[in-house]
Amino acid sequence: MCRRTGAIFGYYEFGTVSVQGHPENTEEYIWGDRTLKNIRCKTCGNVTHWEPLDAEAGARHGVNLRNFDPKLLECAVVRRFDGADTWTFLD
């Protein structure tokens, strides 16, 4: 999904980051192995973040950093991850 949407996700322990906005402007969808809930903008379809369906201890969630000011990415440490085939970091 990241490659298709052009997203750069920041990953955080679930519950440690607050995603704020008007819920009527977003919609949720679940696909694949049905472990994640993806949230996207109703207007443009851009993914804002994803959350685990089963938020057990240690669960993570991802926030699409492309929705923030580009200067934020200049100071972020970005690690490349192959989530399509090998499930390993590429750096």
PDB file of N, CA and C in Angstrom:
ATOM      1  N   MET A   1       0.813  -1.189   0.000  1.00  0.00           N
ATOM      2  CA  MET A   1       0.000   0.000   0.000  1.00  0.00           C
ATOM      3  C   MET A   1       0.863   1.261   0.000  1.00  0.00           C
ATOM      4  N   CYS A   2       1.952   1.281   0.760  1.00  0.00           N
ATOM      5  CA  CYS A   2       2.799   2.473   0.843  1.00  0.00           C
ATOM      6  C   CYS A   2       3.326   2.859  -0.531  1.00  0.00           C
ATOM      7  N   ARG A   3       3.759   1.875  -1.287  1.00  0.00           N
ATOM      8  CA  ARG A   3       4.331   2.137  -2.601  1.00  0.00           C
ATOM      9  C   ARG A   3       3.268   2.693  -3.543  1.00  0.00           C
ATOM     10  N   ARG A   4       2.077   2.165  -3.496  1.00  0.00           N
ATOM     11  CA  ARG A   4       1.007   2.627  -4.392  1.00  0.00           C
ATOM     12  C   ARG A   4       0.526   4.026  -4.045  1.00  0.00           C
ATOM     13  N   THR A   5       0.501   4.368  -2.771  1.00  0.00           N
ATOM     14  CA  THR A   5      -0.014   5.673  -2.369  1.00  0.00           C
ATOM     15  C   THR A   5       1.073   6.737  -2.274  1.00  0.00           C
ATOM     16  N   GLY A   6       2.348   6.342  -2.283  1.00  0.00           N
ATOM     17  CA  GLY A   6       3.433   7.298  -2.117  1.00  0.00           C
ATOM     18  C   GLY A   6       3.586   7.750  -0.675  1.00  0.00           C
ATOM     19  N   ALA A   7       3.012   7.004   0.240  1.00  0.00           N
ATOM     20  CA  ALA A   7       3.045   7.379   1.652  1.00  0.00           C
ATOM     21  C   ALA A   7       4.409   7.122   2.266  1.00  0.00           C
ATOM     22  N   ILE A   8       4.736   7.930   3.239  1.00  0.00           N
ATOM     23  CA  ILE A   8       5.862   7.671   4.136  1.00  0.00           C
ATOM     24  C   ILE A   8       5.242   7.581   5.519  1.00  0.00           C
ATOM     25  N   PHE A   9       5.216   6.382   6.062  1.00  0.00           N
ATOM     26  CA  PHE A   9       4.566   6.175   7.350  1.00  0.00           C
ATOM     27  C   PHE A   9       5.553   6.300   8.491  1.00  0.00           C
ATOM     28  N   GLY A  10       5.123   7.002   9.537  1.00  0.00           N
ATOM     29  CA  GLY A  10       5.806   7.007  10.814  1.00  0.00           C
ATOM     30  C   GLY A  10       5.088   5.991  11.683  1.00  0.00           C
ATOM     31  N   TYR A  11       5.831   5.109  12.337  1.00  0.00           N
ATOM     32  CA  TYR A  11       5.227   4.037  13.132  1.00  0.00           C
ATOM     33  C   TYR A  11       5.401   4.324  14.606  1.00  0.00           C
ATOM     34  N   TYR A  12       4.320   4.172  15.348  1.00  0.00           N
ATOM     35  CA  TYR A  12       4.306   4.509  16.765  1.00  0.00           C
ATOM     36  C   TYR A  12       3.555   3.432  17.542  1.00  0.00           C
ATOM     37  N   GLU A  13       3.861   3.336  18.835  1.00  0.00           N
ATOM     38  CA  GLU A  13       3.083   2.438  19.679  1.00  0.00           C
ATOM     39  C   GLU A  13       1.653   2.960  19.713  1.00  0.00           C
ATOM     40  N   PHE A  14       0.705   2.056  19.512  1.00  0.00           N
ATOM     41  CA  PHE A  14      -0.698   2.462  19.439  1.00  0.00           C
ATOM     42  C   PHE A  14      -1.111   3.165  20.726  1.00  0.00           C
ATOM     43  N   GLY A  15      -1.755   4.302  20.567  1.00  0.00           N
ATOM     44  CA  GLY A  15      -2.217   5.078  21.713  1.00  0.00           C
ATOM     45  C   GLY A  15      -1.272   6.181  22.139  1.00  0.00           C
ATOM     46  N   THR A  16      -0.062   6.241  21.581  1.00  0.00           N
ATOM     47  CA  THR A  16       0.893   7.282  21.971  1.00  0.00           C
ATOM     48  C   THR A  16       0.818   8.509  21.079  1.00  0.00           C
ATOM     49  N   VAL A  17       0.093   8.424  19.972  1.00  0.00           N
ATOM     50  CA  VAL A  17      -0.066   9.542  19.045  1.00  0.00           C
ATOM     51  C   VAL A  17      -1.557   9.797  18.870  1.00  0.00           C
ATOM     52  N   SER A  18      -1.910  11.061  18.908  1.00  0.00           N
ATOM     53  CA  SER A  18      -3.306  11.439  18.719  1.00  0.00           C
ATOM     54  C   SER A  18      -3.495  11.968  17.300  1.00  0.00           C
ATOM     55  N   VAL A  19      -4.401  11.368  16.555  1.00  0.00           N
ATOM     56  CA  VAL A  19      -4.747  11.848  15.221  1.00  0.00           C
ATOM     57  C   VAL A  19      -6.048  12.615  15.370  1.00  0.00           C
ATOM     58  N   GLN A  20      -6.008  13.906  15.061  1.00  0.00           N
ATOM     59  CA  GLN A  20      -7.168  14.757  15.290  1.00  0.00           C
ATOM     60  C   GLN A  20      -7.736  15.259  13.974  1.00  0.00           C
ATOM     61  N   GLY A  21      -9.010  15.485  13.970  1.00  0.00           N
ATOM     62  CA  GLY A  21      -9.700  15.995  12.799  1.00  0.00           C
ATOM     63  C   GLY A  21     -11.178  15.743  12.963  1.00  0.00           C
ATOM     64  N   HIS A  22     -11.913  16.029  11.945  1.00  0.00           N
ATOM     65  CA  HIS A  22     -13.354  15.836  11.975  1.00  0.00           C
ATOM     66  C   HIS A  22     -13.692  14.460  11.416  1.00  0.00           C
ATOM     67  N   PRO A  23     -14.206  13.549  12.239  1.00  0.00           N
ATOM     68  CA  PRO A  23     -14.506  12.186  11.785  1.00  0.00           C
ATOM     69  C   PRO A  23     -15.436  12.130  10.576  1.00  0.00           C
ATOM     70  N   GLU A  24     -16.291  13.137  10.399  1.00  0.00           N
ATOM     71  CA  GLU A  24     -17.180  13.107   9.245  1.00  0.00           C
ATOM     72  C   GLU A  24     -16.439  13.330   7.922  1.00  0.00           C
ATOM     73  N   ASN A  25     -15.167  13.734   7.999  1.00  0.00           N
ATOM     74  CA  ASN A  25     -14.371  13.962   6.794  1.00  0.00           C
ATOM     75  C   ASN A  25     -13.518  12.763   6.406  1.00  0.00           C
ATOM     76  N   THR A  26     -13.574  11.706   7.197  1.00  0.00           N
ATOM     77  CA  THR A  26     -12.782  10.519   6.891  1.00  0.00           C
ATOM     78  C   THR A  26     -13.680   9.290   6.829  1.00  0.00           C
ATOM     79  N   GLU A  27     -13.118   8.239   6.248  1.00  0.00           N
ATOM     80  CA  GLU A  27     -13.816   6.953   6.223  1.00  0.00           C
ATOM     81  C   GLU A  27     -12.807   5.851   6.474  1.00  0.00           C
ATOM     82  N   GLU A  28     -13.286   4.754   6.994  1.00  0.00           N
ATOM     83  CA  GLU A  28     -12.435   3.610   7.334  1.00  0.00           C
ATOM     84  C   GLU A  28     -12.656   2.493   6.328  1.00  0.00           C
ATOM     85  N   TYR A  29     -11.603   1.738   6.075  1.00  0.00           N
ATOM     86  CA  TYR A  29     -11.765   0.531   5.276  1.00  0.00           C
ATOM     87  C   TYR A  29     -10.792  -0.535   5.770  1.00  0.00           C
ATOM     88  N   ILE A  30     -11.203  -1.764   5.597  1.00  0.00           N
ATOM     89  CA  ILE A  30     -10.435  -2.923   6.042  1.00  0.00           C
ATOM     90  C   ILE A  30     -10.310  -3.863   4.856  1.00  0.00           C
ATOM     91  N   TRP A  31      -9.106  -4.368   4.606  1.00  0.00           N
ATOM     92  CA  TRP A  31      -8.910  -5.286   3.481  1.00  0.00           C
ATOM     93  C   TRP A  31      -7.787  -6.255   3.818  1.00  0.00           C
ATOM     94  N   GLY A  32      -7.464  -7.121   2.900  1.00  0.00           N
ATOM     95  CA  GLY A  32      -6.363  -8.068   3.097  1.00  0.00           C
ATOM     96  C   GLY A  32      -6.623  -9.045   4.219  1.00  0.00           C
ATOM     97  N   ASP A  33      -5.647  -9.161   5.118  1.00  0.00           N
ATOM     98  CA  ASP A  33      -5.752 -10.143   6.203  1.00  0.00           C
ATOM     99  C   ASP A  33      -6.634  -9.658   7.365  1.00  0.00           C
ATOM    100  N   ARG A  34      -7.258  -8.501   7.208  1.00  0.00           N
ATOM    101  CA  ARG A  34      -8.230  -7.962   8.160  1.00  0.00           C
ATOM    102  C   ARG A  34      -7.641  -7.768   9.566  1.00  0.00           C
ATOM    103  N   THR A  35      -6.412  -7.251   9.615  1.00  0.00           N
ATOM    104  CA  THR A  35      -5.793  -6.950  10.896  1.00  0.00           C
ATOM    105  C   THR A  35      -5.663  -5.446  11.129  1.00  0.00           C
ATOM    106  N   LEU A  36      -5.826  -4.653  10.061  1.00  0.00           N
ATOM    107  CA  LEU A  36      -5.657  -3.204  10.154  1.00  0.00           C
ATOM    108  C   LEU A  36      -6.901  -2.469   9.670  1.00  0.00           C
ATOM    109  N   LYS A  37      -7.153  -1.340  10.291  1.00  0.00           N
ATOM    110  CA  LYS A  37      -8.193  -0.423   9.844  1.00  0.00           C
ATOM    111  C   LYS A  37      -7.470   0.769   9.230  1.00  0.00           C
ATOM    112  N   ASN A  38      -7.715   1.044   7.958  1.00  0.00           N
ATOM    113  CA  ASN A  38      -7.114   2.173   7.264  1.00  0.00           C
ATOM    114  C   ASN A  38      -8.100   3.327   7.263  1.00  0.00           C
ATOM    115  N   ILE A  39      -7.590   4.525   7.509  1.00  0.00           N
ATOM    116  CA  ILE A  39      -8.445   5.702   7.534  1.00  0.00           C
ATOM    117  C   ILE A  39      -7.977   6.629   6.417  1.00  0.00           C
ATOM    118  N   ARG A  40      -8.936   7.139   5.627  1.00  0.00           N
ATOM    119  CA  ARG A  40      -8.598   8.004   4.499  1.00  0.00           C
ATOM    120  C   ARG A  40      -9.573   9.171   4.430  1.00  0.00           C
ATOM    121  N   CYS A  41      -9.168  10.205   3.701  1.00  0.00           N
ATOM    122  CA  CYS A  41      -9.980  11.385   3.477  1.00  0.00           C
ATOM    123  C   CYS A  41     -11.127  11.037   2.532  1.00  0.00           C
ATOM    124  N   LYS A  42     -12.347  11.451   2.877  1.00  0.00           N
ATOM    125  CA  LYS A  42     -13.509  11.203   2.015  1.00  0.00           C
ATOM    126  C   LYS A  42     -13.441  12.002   0.717  1.00  0.00           C
ATOM    127  N   THR A  43     -12.763  13.134   0.728  1.00  0.00           N
ATOM    128  CA  THR A  43     -12.708  14.000  -0.442  1.00  0.00           C
ATOM    129  C   THR A  43     -11.689  13.521  -1.470  1.00  0.00           C
ATOM    130  N   CYS A  44     -10.448  13.315  -1.027  1.00  0.00           N
ATOM    131  CA  CYS A  44      -9.383  12.979  -1.988  1.00  0.00           C
ATOM    132  C   CYS A  44      -8.943  11.522  -1.936  1.00  0.00           C
ATOM    133  N   GLY A  45      -9.327  10.792  -0.892  1.00  0.00           N
ATOM    134  CA  GLY A  45      -8.950   9.385  -0.776  1.00  0.00           C
ATOM    135  C   GLY A  45      -7.576   9.152  -0.185  1.00  0.00           C
ATOM    136  N   ASN A  46      -6.854  10.218   0.183  1.00  0.00           N
ATOM    137  CA  ASN A  46      -5.519  10.078   0.739  1.00  0.00           C
ATOM    138  C   ASN A  46      -5.573   9.386   2.101  1.00  0.00           C
ATOM    139  N   VAL A  47      -4.700   8.400   2.293  1.00  0.00           N
ATOM    140  CA  VAL A  47      -4.620   7.689   3.566  1.00  0.00           C
ATOM    141  C   VAL A  47      -4.015   8.619   4.610  1.00  0.00           C
ATOM    142  N   THR A  48      -4.685   8.737   5.752  1.00  0.00           N
ATOM    143  CA  THR A  48      -4.154   9.557   6.835  1.00  0.00           C
ATOM    144  C   THR A  48      -3.374   8.721   7.835  1.00  0.00           C
ATOM    145  N   HIS A  49      -3.915   7.539   8.166  1.00  0.00           N
ATOM    146  CA  HIS A  49      -3.247   6.659   9.125  1.00  0.00           C
ATOM    147  C   HIS A  49      -3.921   5.292   9.108  1.00  0.00           C
ATOM    148  N   TRP A  50      -3.295   4.361   9.804  1.00  0.00           N
ATOM    149  CA  TRP A  50      -3.909   3.045   9.990  1.00  0.00           C
ATOM    150  C   TRP A  50      -3.776   2.653  11.453  1.00  0.00           C
ATOM    151  N   GLU A  51      -4.694   1.803  11.893  1.00  0.00           N
ATOM    152  CA  GLU A  51      -4.715   1.333  13.282  1.00  0.00           C
ATOM    153  C   GLU A  51      -4.945  -0.166  13.296  1.00  0.00           C
ATOM    154  N   PRO A  52      -4.431  -0.847  14.313  1.00  0.00           N
ATOM    155  CA  PRO A  52      -4.705  -2.280  14.420  1.00  0.00           C
ATOM    156  C   PRO A  52      -6.157  -2.520  14.839  1.00  0.00           C
ATOM    157  N   LEU A  53      -6.757  -3.555  14.317  1.00  0.00           N
ATOM    158  CA  LEU A  53      -8.111  -3.912  14.755  1.00  0.00           C
ATOM    159  C   LEU A  53      -8.079  -4.482  16.167  1.00  0.00           C
ATOM    160  N   ASP A  54      -7.025  -5.236  16.477  1.00  0.00           N
ATOM    161  CA  ASP A  54      -6.859  -5.814  17.806  1.00  0.00           C
ATOM    162  C   ASP A  54      -5.703  -5.089  18.475  1.00  0.00           C
ATOM    163  N   ALA A  55      -6.001  -4.071  19.250  1.00  0.00           N
ATOM    164  CA  ALA A  55      -4.968  -3.227  19.852  1.00  0.00           C
ATOM    165  C   ALA A  55      -4.427  -3.849  21.137  1.00  0.00           C
ATOM    166  N   GLU A  56      -3.727  -4.960  20.995  1.00  0.00           N
ATOM    167  CA  GLU A  56      -3.127  -5.611  22.164  1.00  0.00           C
ATOM    168  C   GLU A  56      -1.845  -4.887  22.554  1.00  0.00           C
ATOM    169  N   ALA A  57      -1.308  -5.216  23.694  1.00  0.00           N
ATOM    170  CA  ALA A  57      -0.090  -4.575  24.198  1.00  0.00           C
ATOM    171  C   ALA A  57       1.029  -4.643  23.158  1.00  0.00           C
ATOM    172  N   GLY A  58       1.680  -3.500  22.946  1.00  0.00           N
ATOM    173  CA  GLY A  58       2.784  -3.447  21.995  1.00  0.00           C
ATOM    174  C   GLY A  58       2.357  -3.217  20.554  1.00  0.00           C
ATOM    175  N   ALA A  59       1.052  -3.124  20.301  1.00  0.00           N
ATOM    176  CA  ALA A  59       0.575  -2.906  18.928  1.00  0.00           C
ATOM    177  C   ALA A  59       1.056  -1.549  18.436  1.00  0.00           C
ATOM    178  N   ARG A  60       1.246  -1.453  17.129  1.00  0.00           N
ATOM    179  CA  ARG A  60       1.711  -0.223  16.515  1.00  0.00           C
ATOM    180  C   ARG A  60       0.655   0.322  15.574  1.00  0.00           C
ATOM    181  N   HIS A  61       0.789   1.601  15.256  1.00  0.00           N
ATOM    182  CA  HIS A  61      -0.036   2.176  14.195  1.00  0.00           C
ATOM    183  C   HIS A  61       0.829   3.104  13.362  1.00  0.00           C
ATOM    184  N   GLY A  62       0.364   3.394  12.160  1.00  0.00           N
ATOM    185  CA  GLY A  62       1.150   4.206  11.237  1.00  0.00           C
ATOM    186  C   GLY A  62       0.422   5.486  10.871  1.00  0.00           C
ATOM    187  N   VAL A  63       1.190   6.579  10.795  1.00  0.00           N
ATOM    188  CA  VAL A  63       0.660   7.883  10.417  1.00  0.00           C
ATOM    189  C   VAL A  63       1.364   8.312   9.139  1.00  0.00           C
ATOM    190  N   ASN A  64       0.597   8.717   8.128  1.00  0.00           N
ATOM    191  CA  ASN A  64       1.164   9.128   6.857  1.00  0.00           C
ATOM    192  C   ASN A  64       1.803  10.511   7.007  1.00  0.00           C
ATOM    193  N   LEU A  65       3.130  10.553   7.025  1.00  0.00           N
ATOM    194  CA  LEU A  65       3.850  11.805   7.233  1.00  0.00           C
ATOM    195  C   LEU A  65       3.750  12.740   6.034  1.00  0.00           C
ATOM    196  N   ARG A  66       3.281  12.249   4.887  1.00  0.00           N
ATOM    197  CA  ARG A  66       3.090  13.112   3.722  1.00  0.00           C
ATOM    198  C   ARG A  66       1.988  14.143   3.949  1.00  0.00           C
ATOM    199  N   ASN A  67       1.191  13.994   5.000  1.00  0.00           N
ATOM    200  CA  ASN A  67       0.136  14.947   5.312  1.00  0.00           C
ATOM    201  C   ASN A  67       0.648  16.140   6.115  1.00  0.00           C
ATOM    202  N   PHE A  68       1.918  16.117   6.510  1.00  0.00           N
ATOM    203  CA  PHE A  68       2.507  17.180   7.311  1.00  0.00           C
ATOM    204  C   PHE A  68       3.343  18.108   6.439  1.00  0.00           C
ATOM    205  N   ASP A  69       3.788  19.196   7.019  1.00  0.00           N
ATOM    206  CA  ASP A  69       4.684  20.124   6.343  1.00  0.00           C
ATOM    207  C   ASP A  69       5.924  19.352   5.883  1.00  0.00           C
ATOM    208  N   PRO A  70       6.358  19.514   4.626  1.00  0.00           N
ATOM    209  CA  PRO A  70       7.528  18.782   4.119  1.00  0.00           C
ATOM    210  C   PRO A  70       8.790  18.985   4.945  1.00  0.00           C
ATOM    211  N   LYS A  71       8.906  20.088   5.672  1.00  0.00           N
ATOM    212  CA  LYS A  71      10.090  20.315   6.511  1.00  0.00           C
ATOM    213  C   LYS A  71      10.209  19.273   7.609  1.00  0.00           C
ATOM    214  N   LEU A  72       9.090  18.682   8.008  1.00  0.00           N
ATOM    215  CA  LEU A  72       9.121  17.631   9.012  1.00  0.00           C
ATOM    216  C   LEU A  72       9.951  16.447   8.527  1.00  0.00           C
ATOM    217  N   LEU A  73       9.801  16.083   7.263  1.00  0.00           N
ATOM    218  CA  LEU A  73      10.542  14.939   6.714  1.00  0.00           C
ATOM    219  C   LEU A  73      12.039  15.209   6.620  1.00  0.00           C
ATOM    220  N   GLU A  74      12.435  16.477   6.520  1.00  0.00           N
ATOM    221  CA  GLU A  74      13.857  16.814   6.426  1.00  0.00           C
ATOM    222  C   GLU A  74      14.627  16.387   7.667  1.00  0.00           C
ATOM    223  N   CYS A  75      13.972  16.372   8.821  1.00  0.00           N
ATOM    224  CA  CYS A  75      14.669  16.027  10.067  1.00  0.00           C
ATOM    225  C   CYS A  75      14.335  14.614  10.548  1.00  0.00           C
ATOM    226  N   ALA A  76      13.492  13.907   9.820  1.00  0.00           N
ATOM    227  CA  ALA A  76      13.110  12.555  10.237  1.00  0.00           C
ATOM    228  C   ALA A  76      14.107  11.525   9.730  1.00  0.00           C
ATOM    229  N   VAL A  77      14.361  10.526  10.558  1.00  0.00           N
ATOM    230  CA  VAL A  77      15.186   9.398  10.141  1.00  0.00           C
ATOM    231  C   VAL A  77      14.268   8.444   9.375  1.00  0.00           C
ATOM    232  N   VAL A  78      14.599   8.209   8.117  1.00  0.00           N
ATOM    233  CA  VAL A  78      13.771   7.346   7.273  1.00  0.00           C
ATOM    234  C   VAL A  78      14.522   6.052   7.015  1.00  0.00           C
ATOM    235  N   ARG A  79      13.893   4.940   7.354  1.00  0.00           N
ATOM    236  CA  ARG A  79      14.465   3.623   7.070  1.00  0.00           C
ATOM    237  C   ARG A  79      13.610   2.973   5.998  1.00  0.00           C
ATOM    238  N   ARG A  80      14.236   2.424   4.998  1.00  0.00           N
ATOM    239  CA  ARG A  80      13.526   1.750   3.913  1.00  0.00           C
ATOM    240  C   ARG A  80      13.205   0.325   4.329  1.00  0.00           C
ATOM    241  N   PHE A  81      11.960  -0.070   4.111  1.00  0.00           N
ATOM    242  CA  PHE A  81      11.486  -1.385   4.535  1.00  0.00           C
ATOM    243  C   PHE A  81      10.788  -2.059   3.373  1.00  0.00           C
ATOM    244  N   ASP A  82      11.147  -3.286   3.098  1.00  0.00           N
ATOM    245  CA  ASP A  82      10.510  -4.050   2.024  1.00  0.00           C
ATOM    246  C   ASP A  82       9.366  -4.848   2.614  1.00  0.00           C
ATOM    247  N   GLY A  83       8.181  -4.240   2.626  1.00  0.00           N
ATOM    248  CA  GLY A  83       7.003  -4.919   3.138  1.00  0.00           C
ATOM    249  C   GLY A  83       6.286  -5.722   2.077  1.00  0.00           C
ATOM    250  N   ALA A  84       6.804  -5.699   0.851  1.00  0.00           N
ATOM    251  CA  ALA A  84       6.160  -6.421  -0.246  1.00  0.00           C
ATOM    252  C   ALA A  84       6.676  -7.852  -0.370  1.00  0.00           C
ATOM    253  N   ASP A  85       7.987  -8.049  -0.168  1.00  0.00           N
ATOM    254  CA  ASP A  85       8.567  -9.376  -0.410  1.00  0.00           C
ATOM    255  C   ASP A  85       9.322  -9.954   0.783  1.00  0.00           C
ATOM    256  N   THR A  86      10.365  -9.248   1.236  1.00  0.00           N
ATOM    257  CA  THR A  86      11.271  -9.858   2.213  1.00  0.00           C
ATOM    258  C   THR A  86      10.965  -9.491   3.667  1.00  0.00           C
ATOM    259  N   TRP A  87      10.181  -8.473   3.888  1.00  0.00           N
ATOM    260  CA  TRP A  87       9.875  -7.990   5.236  1.00  0.00           C
ATOM    261  C   TRP A  87      11.138  -7.689   6.030  1.00  0.00           C
ATOM    262  N   THR A  88      12.098  -7.051   5.351  1.00  0.00           N
ATOM    263  CA  THR A  88      13.350  -6.663   5.992  1.00  0.00           C
ATOM    264  C   THR A  88      13.631  -5.199   5.681  1.00  0.00           C
ATOM    265  N   PHE A  89      14.453  -4.572   6.545  1.00  0.00           N
ATOM    266  CA  PHE A  89      14.895  -3.216   6.280  1.00  0.00           C
ATOM    267  C   PHE A  89      15.971  -3.252   5.196  1.00  0.00           C
ATOM    268  N   LEU A  90      15.978  -2.250   4.329  1.00  0.00           N
ATOM    269  CA  LEU A  90      16.883  -2.244   3.191  1.00  0.00           C
ATOM    270  C   LEU A  90      18.108  -1.354   3.436  1.00  0.00           C
ATOM    271  N   ASP A  91      18.221  -0.745   4.594  1.00  0.00           N
ATOM    272  CA  ASP A  91      19.354   0.141   4.854  1.00  0.00           C
ATOM    273  C   ASP A  91      20.412  -0.501   5.719  1.00  0.00           C
TER     274      ASP A  91
END
